Amino acid sequence: MWDKAETELRDAVAAAGLNTAEYGWGELPGEGAFYAPKLEWHLTDAIGRTWQVGTIQSDRVIPDRLEAAYVGEDGENMCRSCSTARSSAPTSGSSGY
């Protein structure tokens, strides 16, 4: 599940054309949240501090536990869903403040 979610996020960034050095794209192995891989956005302020200004996570665990599904395009087959979680609360560095 983790690898699939990671691939989906990577593919979404590529499809949007944002996987370039111009956009600061880089992968940080092992930096995902404890339940799902994530995308993070960081900005640097005037005095050089890095601030995390947003995240998006691709969660496949909670929908499975809730047995969340939707009806497919054929109107009959049930499809397992995936949920995304996002946050826009800023944090600085590793301190969380």
Protein backbone atom coordinates (compact mmCIF):
# COMPACT_ATOMS: atom_id res chain seq x y z
CA MET A 1 0.00 0.00 0.00
CA TRP A 2 2.79 2.45 0.94
CA ASP A 3 4.58 1.99 -2.39
CA LYS A 4 1.36 2.44 -4.34
CA ALA A 5 0.49 5.67 -2.49
CA GLU A 6 4.05 6.94 -3.00
CA THR A 7 3.85 6.21 -6.72
CA GLU A 8 0.47 7.94 -7.02
CA LEU A 9 1.79 11.09 -5.33
CA ARG A 10 4.93 11.07 -7.49
CA ASP A 11 2.83 10.60 -10.65
CA ALA A 12 0.46 13.43 -9.66
CA VAL A 13 3.38 15.83 -9.20
CA ALA A 14 4.83 14.76 -12.57
CA ALA A 15 1.45 15.13 -14.31
CA ALA A 16 1.21 18.69 -12.97
CA GLY A 17 4.72 19.40 -14.29
CA LEU A 18 6.01 20.23 -10.81
CA ASN A 19 8.74 17.60 -10.52
CA THR A 20 11.54 19.94 -11.58
CA ALA A 21 14.35 21.79 -9.82
CA GLU A 22 12.54 25.04 -10.68
CA TYR A 23 9.81 24.02 -8.23
CA GLY A 24 12.26 22.64 -5.68
CA TRP A 25 11.16 19.05 -6.22
CA GLY A 26 13.02 16.44 -4.22
CA GLU A 27 12.26 13.15 -2.54
CA LEU A 28 13.07 12.62 1.10
CA PRO A 29 13.02 8.87 1.78
CA GLY A 30 11.71 8.03 5.26
CA GLU A 31 10.11 11.44 5.78
CA GLY A 32 6.48 10.34 5.41
CA ALA A 33 4.00 10.55 8.23
CA PHE A 34 3.53 7.37 10.23
CA TYR A 35 0.47 6.24 8.26
CA ALA A 36 1.02 7.51 4.71
CA PRO A 37 3.53 9.13 2.37
CA LYS A 38 3.10 12.87 1.96
CA LEU A 39 3.91 15.91 -0.13
CA GLU A 40 5.25 18.92 1.78
CA TRP A 41 5.66 22.56 0.85
CA HIS A 42 8.38 24.64 2.49
CA LEU A 43 9.17 28.34 2.26
CA THR A 44 12.27 30.13 3.51
CA ASP A 45 11.82 33.46 5.30
CA ALA A 46 14.03 36.55 5.10
CA ILE A 47 16.37 35.32 7.85
CA GLY A 48 16.82 31.83 6.38
CA ARG A 49 14.38 29.79 8.49
CA THR A 50 12.47 27.04 6.69
CA TRP A 51 8.73 26.85 7.29
CA GLN A 52 6.54 23.92 6.32
CA VAL A 53 3.44 25.61 4.94
CA GLY A 54 1.37 22.65 3.85
CA THR A 55 1.14 18.90 3.40
CA ILE A 56 -1.01 16.41 1.50
CA GLN A 57 -1.12 12.73 2.44
CA SER A 58 -2.53 9.80 0.49
CA ASP A 59 -4.24 7.54 3.02
CA ARG A 60 -5.33 4.03 2.05
CA VAL A 61 -5.58 2.63 5.58
CA ILE A 62 -8.59 4.51 6.98
CA PRO A 63 -10.84 3.88 3.92
CA ASP A 64 -10.02 0.17 4.19
CA ARG A 65 -10.84 0.11 7.90
CA LEU A 66 -14.10 1.93 7.26
CA GLU A 67 -14.84 -0.25 4.21
CA ALA A 68 -15.37 2.99 2.29
CA ALA A 69 -16.13 2.43 -1.38
CA TYR A 70 -17.96 4.00 -4.27
CA VAL A 71 -19.86 2.66 -7.27
CA GLY A 72 -17.67 2.41 -10.37
CA GLU A 73 -18.36 4.00 -13.74
CA ASP A 74 -20.15 0.83 -14.82
CA GLY A 75 -22.77 1.51 -12.13
CA GLU A 76 -22.27 -1.85 -10.49
CA ASN A 77 -18.77 -2.62 -9.26
CA MET A 78 -17.73 -1.22 -5.91
CA CYS A 79 -14.33 0.49 -5.93
CA ARG A 80 -12.18 0.94 -2.83
CA SER A 81 -11.57 4.58 -2.14
CA CYS A 82 -8.48 6.48 -1.09
CA SER A 83 -8.65 9.51 1.15
CA THR A 84 -6.38 12.52 1.23
CA ALA A 85 -5.58 14.61 4.24
CA ARG A 86 -4.16 18.08 4.04
CA SER A 87 -2.81 20.61 6.45
CA SER A 88 -1.90 24.22 6.00
CA ALA A 89 -0.72 24.93 9.55
CA PRO A 90 2.83 26.30 9.38
CA THR A 91 5.63 24.80 11.40
CA SER A 92 9.27 25.83 11.58
CA GLY A 93 12.12 23.35 11.21
CA SER A 94 11.96 20.25 13.37
CA SER A 95 10.69 22.03 16.49
CA GLY A 96 7.08 22.14 15.28
CA TYR A 97 6.69 25.81 16.25
